[in-house]
C-alpha cells in the first residue's frame, strides 16, 4: 500500500502546483491590468479602442484559464481523496 499512498500524495502535490499556477496567473493579470490602464489612457480614438479590445479579449481568456486551472486543481484534489478512501477501504477489507 505504500506505493498507492505515494500516488495519492503525488496527486495532492500536483493539485498544489496547479493551484499555485492559477494564483500566479491571477497576480500577473492584476499587474498587467494596472499597466494597461496607464498605457490605454495615453491613446485616443481608434488606437485606444483597438488596444482596449485586444486587452479585454486577452484578459477574458486569461480569466478563463485561471478558472479552468482552479477547477482542475479541485478535481485532482477530489480524485486524490477518493483514491485514498478506496485504498483505505481495500486495506480494511484485507484485514478482516
N, C-alpha and C. Protein backbone atom coordinates (compact mmCIF):
# COMPACT_ATOMS: atom_id res chain seq x y z
N UNK A 1 0.81 -1.21 0.00
CA UNK A 1 0.00 0.00 0.00
C UNK A 1 0.85 1.27 0.00
N UNK A 2 2.13 1.14 0.28
CA UNK A 2 3.00 2.32 0.31
C UNK A 2 3.06 2.99 -1.05
N UNK A 3 3.09 2.17 -2.13
CA UNK A 3 3.12 2.75 -3.47
C UNK A 3 1.84 3.52 -3.75
N UNK A 4 0.72 2.98 -3.33
CA UNK A 4 -0.56 3.65 -3.54
C UNK A 4 -0.59 4.96 -2.76
N UNK A 5 -0.11 4.93 -1.51
CA UNK A 5 -0.07 6.15 -0.70
C UNK A 5 0.75 7.22 -1.41
N UNK A 6 1.88 6.83 -1.95
CA UNK A 6 2.73 7.79 -2.67
C UNK A 6 1.99 8.36 -3.86
N UNK A 7 1.17 7.55 -4.52
CA UNK A 7 0.44 8.03 -5.69
C UNK A 7 -0.58 9.09 -5.33
N UNK A 8 -1.38 8.88 -4.27
CA UNK A 8 -2.35 9.93 -3.98
C UNK A 8 -1.71 11.13 -3.32
N UNK A 9 -0.58 10.96 -2.66
CA UNK A 9 0.15 12.13 -2.16
C UNK A 9 0.72 12.92 -3.33
N UNK A 10 1.14 12.22 -4.37
CA UNK A 10 1.62 12.90 -5.59
C UNK A 10 0.48 13.69 -6.24
N UNK A 11 -0.72 13.13 -6.23
CA UNK A 11 -1.87 13.86 -6.76
C UNK A 11 -2.08 15.16 -5.99
N UNK A 12 -1.92 15.11 -4.67
CA UNK A 12 -2.07 16.34 -3.88
C UNK A 12 -0.99 17.35 -4.23
N UNK A 13 0.24 16.88 -4.48
CA UNK A 13 1.32 17.79 -4.88
C UNK A 13 1.00 18.43 -6.24
N UNK A 14 0.48 17.62 -7.15
CA UNK A 14 0.10 18.15 -8.47
C UNK A 14 -0.99 19.21 -8.31
N UNK A 15 -1.98 18.93 -7.48
CA UNK A 15 -3.05 19.90 -7.25
C UNK A 15 -2.48 21.20 -6.70
N UNK A 16 -1.55 21.11 -5.78
CA UNK A 16 -0.92 22.31 -5.23
C UNK A 16 -0.16 23.09 -6.27
N UNK A 17 0.53 22.39 -7.16
CA UNK A 17 1.27 23.05 -8.24
C UNK A 17 0.33 23.77 -9.20
N UNK A 18 -0.76 23.10 -9.57
CA UNK A 18 -1.74 23.70 -10.47
C UNK A 18 -2.39 24.91 -9.80
N UNK A 19 -2.71 24.78 -8.53
CA UNK A 19 -3.31 25.88 -7.78
C UNK A 19 -2.37 27.08 -7.72
N UNK A 20 -1.09 26.83 -7.49
CA UNK A 20 -0.10 27.91 -7.46
C UNK A 20 0.00 28.58 -8.83
N UNK A 21 -0.07 27.79 -9.90
CA UNK A 21 -0.06 28.36 -11.24
C UNK A 21 -1.25 29.25 -11.49
N UNK A 22 -2.40 28.83 -11.02
CA UNK A 22 -3.62 29.63 -11.16
C UNK A 22 -3.48 30.94 -10.40
N UNK A 23 -2.96 30.88 -9.19
CA UNK A 23 -2.75 32.10 -8.39
C UNK A 23 -1.75 33.02 -9.07
N UNK A 24 -0.71 32.44 -9.66
CA UNK A 24 0.29 33.24 -10.37
C UNK A 24 -0.31 33.97 -11.55
N UNK A 25 -1.21 33.30 -12.27
CA UNK A 25 -1.88 33.95 -13.40
C UNK A 25 -2.72 35.12 -12.89
N UNK A 26 -3.42 34.92 -11.79
CA UNK A 26 -4.23 36.00 -11.21
C UNK A 26 -3.38 37.19 -10.82
N UNK A 27 -2.24 36.93 -10.20
CA UNK A 27 -1.34 38.02 -9.81
C UNK A 27 -0.82 38.76 -11.03
N UNK A 28 -0.43 38.02 -12.05
CA UNK A 28 0.10 38.64 -13.27
C UNK A 28 -0.98 39.43 -14.00
N UNK A 29 -2.19 38.91 -14.03
CA UNK A 29 -3.31 39.65 -14.64
C UNK A 29 -3.52 40.98 -13.95
N UNK A 30 -3.48 40.98 -12.63
CA UNK A 30 -3.67 42.23 -11.88
C UNK A 30 -2.57 43.23 -12.20
N UNK A 31 -1.33 42.75 -12.27
CA UNK A 31 -0.20 43.63 -12.58
C UNK A 31 -0.34 44.21 -13.99
N UNK A 32 -0.68 43.35 -14.94
CA UNK A 32 -0.82 43.81 -16.32
C UNK A 32 -2.03 44.73 -16.50
N UNK A 33 -3.09 44.50 -15.76
CA UNK A 33 -4.26 45.37 -15.85
C UNK A 33 -3.90 46.79 -15.42
N UNK A 34 -3.14 46.91 -14.34
CA UNK A 34 -2.71 48.24 -13.89
C UNK A 34 -1.83 48.91 -14.95
N UNK A 35 -0.92 48.16 -15.53
CA UNK A 35 -0.05 48.72 -16.58
C UNK A 35 -0.86 49.09 -17.82
N UNK A 36 -1.85 48.27 -18.17
CA UNK A 36 -2.66 48.52 -19.35
C UNK A 36 -3.53 49.76 -19.17
N UNK A 37 -4.02 49.98 -17.98
CA UNK A 37 -4.82 51.19 -17.73
C UNK A 37 -3.99 52.44 -18.01
N UNK A 38 -2.78 52.44 -17.52
CA UNK A 38 -1.89 53.58 -17.74
C UNK A 38 -1.60 53.75 -19.22
N UNK A 39 -1.27 52.66 -19.89
CA UNK A 39 -0.93 52.72 -21.31
C UNK A 39 -2.15 53.10 -22.14
N UNK A 40 -3.29 52.49 -21.86
CA UNK A 40 -4.52 52.79 -22.61
C UNK A 40 -4.95 54.24 -22.47
N UNK A 41 -4.66 54.84 -21.34
CA UNK A 41 -5.02 56.24 -21.11
C UNK A 41 -4.18 57.21 -21.92
N UNK A 42 -3.09 56.76 -22.49
CA UNK A 42 -2.22 57.63 -23.28
C UNK A 42 -2.68 57.75 -24.73
N UNK A 43 -3.58 56.89 -25.15
CA UNK A 43 -4.04 56.90 -26.53
C UNK A 43 -5.46 57.44 -26.60
N UNK A 44 -5.88 57.78 -27.79
CA UNK A 44 -7.25 58.26 -28.01
C UNK A 44 -7.81 57.59 -29.26
N UNK A 45 -9.08 57.71 -29.42
CA UNK A 45 -9.75 57.26 -30.64
C UNK A 45 -9.58 55.79 -30.94
N UNK A 46 -9.30 55.52 -32.23
CA UNK A 46 -9.23 54.14 -32.72
C UNK A 46 -8.13 53.35 -32.03
N UNK A 47 -7.00 53.98 -31.77
CA UNK A 47 -5.89 53.28 -31.10
C UNK A 47 -6.31 52.82 -29.71
N UNK A 48 -7.00 53.69 -29.00
CA UNK A 48 -7.45 53.33 -27.65
C UNK A 48 -8.47 52.19 -27.70
N UNK A 49 -9.38 52.26 -28.67
CA UNK A 49 -10.39 51.20 -28.80
C UNK A 49 -9.75 49.87 -29.20
N UNK A 50 -8.80 49.93 -30.13
CA UNK A 50 -8.12 48.70 -30.56
C UNK A 50 -7.35 48.07 -29.40
N UNK A 51 -6.62 48.90 -28.68
CA UNK A 51 -5.87 48.39 -27.53
C UNK A 51 -6.82 47.83 -26.48
N UNK A 52 -7.87 48.57 -26.18
CA UNK A 52 -8.84 48.12 -25.18
C UNK A 52 -9.49 46.80 -25.58
N UNK A 53 -9.83 46.67 -26.86
CA UNK A 53 -10.44 45.42 -27.33
C UNK A 53 -9.49 44.25 -27.24
N UNK A 54 -8.25 44.47 -27.68
CA UNK A 54 -7.26 43.39 -27.63
C UNK A 54 -6.96 43.00 -26.19
N UNK A 55 -6.80 44.00 -25.34
CA UNK A 55 -6.50 43.70 -23.94
C UNK A 55 -7.69 43.02 -23.27
N UNK A 56 -8.89 43.50 -23.57
CA UNK A 56 -10.08 42.89 -22.98
C UNK A 56 -10.22 41.42 -23.37
N UNK A 57 -9.96 41.13 -24.65
CA UNK A 57 -10.03 39.73 -25.11
C UNK A 57 -8.98 38.88 -24.42
N UNK A 58 -7.76 39.41 -24.33
CA UNK A 58 -6.68 38.67 -23.67
C UNK A 58 -7.03 38.43 -22.20
N UNK A 59 -7.50 39.47 -21.53
CA UNK A 59 -7.82 39.34 -20.11
C UNK A 59 -8.94 38.32 -19.90
N UNK A 60 -9.92 38.33 -20.79
CA UNK A 60 -11.00 37.35 -20.69
C UNK A 60 -10.50 35.93 -20.83
N UNK A 61 -9.60 35.71 -21.78
CA UNK A 61 -9.04 34.37 -21.97
C UNK A 61 -8.20 33.95 -20.76
N UNK A 62 -7.44 34.88 -20.22
CA UNK A 62 -6.62 34.56 -19.05
C UNK A 62 -7.49 34.28 -17.83
N UNK A 63 -8.58 35.02 -17.69
CA UNK A 63 -9.51 34.76 -16.58
C UNK A 63 -10.11 33.37 -16.72
N UNK A 64 -10.44 33.00 -17.96
CA UNK A 64 -10.98 31.66 -18.21
C UNK A 64 -9.94 30.60 -17.87
N UNK A 65 -8.69 30.81 -18.29
CA UNK A 65 -7.62 29.86 -17.97
C UNK A 65 -7.45 29.73 -16.46
N UNK A 66 -7.51 30.85 -15.76
CA UNK A 66 -7.40 30.83 -14.30
C UNK A 66 -8.51 29.97 -13.68
N UNK A 67 -9.73 30.11 -14.19
CA UNK A 67 -10.86 29.33 -13.68
C UNK A 67 -10.68 27.84 -14.00
N UNK A 68 -10.22 27.55 -15.21
CA UNK A 68 -10.01 26.15 -15.60
C UNK A 68 -8.94 25.50 -14.72
N UNK A 69 -7.85 26.23 -14.48
CA UNK A 69 -6.79 25.68 -13.62
C UNK A 69 -7.29 25.45 -12.20
N UNK A 70 -8.07 26.38 -11.68
CA UNK A 70 -8.62 26.21 -10.33
C UNK A 70 -9.54 24.99 -10.29
N UNK A 71 -10.37 24.82 -11.32
CA UNK A 71 -11.26 23.66 -11.38
C UNK A 71 -10.46 22.36 -11.51
N UNK A 72 -9.39 22.39 -12.29
CA UNK A 72 -8.53 21.21 -12.43
C UNK A 72 -7.89 20.85 -11.10
N UNK A 73 -7.41 21.85 -10.37
CA UNK A 73 -6.82 21.59 -9.06
C UNK A 73 -7.84 20.97 -8.12
N UNK A 74 -9.07 21.49 -8.14
CA UNK A 74 -10.14 20.92 -7.31
C UNK A 74 -10.43 19.47 -7.70
N UNK A 75 -10.47 19.21 -9.01
CA UNK A 75 -10.75 17.85 -9.48
C UNK A 75 -9.65 16.89 -9.07
N UNK A 76 -8.40 17.32 -9.18
CA UNK A 76 -7.28 16.45 -8.79
C UNK A 76 -7.32 16.20 -7.29
N UNK A 77 -7.63 17.24 -6.51
CA UNK A 77 -7.72 17.09 -5.06
C UNK A 77 -8.86 16.12 -4.69
N UNK A 78 -10.00 16.25 -5.34
CA UNK A 78 -11.13 15.35 -5.11
C UNK A 78 -10.77 13.92 -5.50
N UNK A 79 -10.08 13.78 -6.62
CA UNK A 79 -9.62 12.46 -7.08
C UNK A 79 -8.68 11.83 -6.07
N UNK A 80 -7.78 12.63 -5.53
CA UNK A 80 -6.84 12.13 -4.53
C UNK A 80 -7.58 11.63 -3.29
N UNK A 81 -8.58 12.40 -2.85
CA UNK A 81 -9.35 11.98 -1.67
C UNK A 81 -10.10 10.68 -1.94
N UNK A 82 -10.68 10.55 -3.13
CA UNK A 82 -11.39 9.32 -3.49
C UNK A 82 -10.42 8.14 -3.56
N UNK A 83 -9.26 8.38 -4.10
CA UNK A 83 -8.21 7.36 -4.20
C UNK A 83 -7.83 6.88 -2.80
N UNK A 84 -7.65 7.83 -1.89
CA UNK A 84 -7.28 7.48 -0.51
C UNK A 84 -8.38 6.67 0.16
N UNK A 85 -9.64 7.11 -0.01
CA UNK A 85 -10.75 6.37 0.61
C UNK A 85 -10.84 4.94 0.07
N UNK A 86 -10.66 4.79 -1.23
CA UNK A 86 -10.70 3.45 -1.82
C UNK A 86 -9.55 2.60 -1.30
N UNK A 87 -8.37 3.18 -1.20
CA UNK A 87 -7.22 2.46 -0.68
C UNK A 87 -7.46 2.02 0.77
N UNK A 88 -8.02 2.91 1.58
CA UNK A 88 -8.30 2.57 2.98
C UNK A 88 -9.37 1.47 3.07
N UNK A 89 -10.37 1.53 2.18
CA UNK A 89 -11.42 0.50 2.19
C UNK A 89 -10.84 -0.86 1.82
N UNK A 90 -9.95 -0.89 0.84
CA UNK A 90 -9.31 -2.15 0.45
C UNK A 90 -8.45 -2.68 1.60
N UNK A 91 -7.72 -1.79 2.26
CA UNK A 91 -6.87 -2.21 3.39
C UNK A 91 -7.73 -2.80 4.51
N UNK A 92 -8.89 -2.16 4.79
CA UNK A 92 -9.79 -2.69 5.83
C UNK A 92 -10.33 -4.06 5.42
N UNK A 93 -10.71 -4.18 4.16
CA UNK A 93 -11.26 -5.46 3.68
C UNK A 93 -10.23 -6.58 3.80
N UNK A 94 -8.99 -6.29 3.52
CA UNK A 94 -7.95 -7.31 3.60
C UNK A 94 -7.61 -7.65 5.05
N UNK A 95 -7.91 -6.75 5.97
CA UNK A 95 -7.56 -7.01 7.37
C UNK A 95 -8.63 -7.83 8.10
N UNK A 96 -9.77 -8.06 7.44
CA UNK A 96 -10.85 -8.84 8.09
C UNK A 96 -10.52 -10.30 8.20
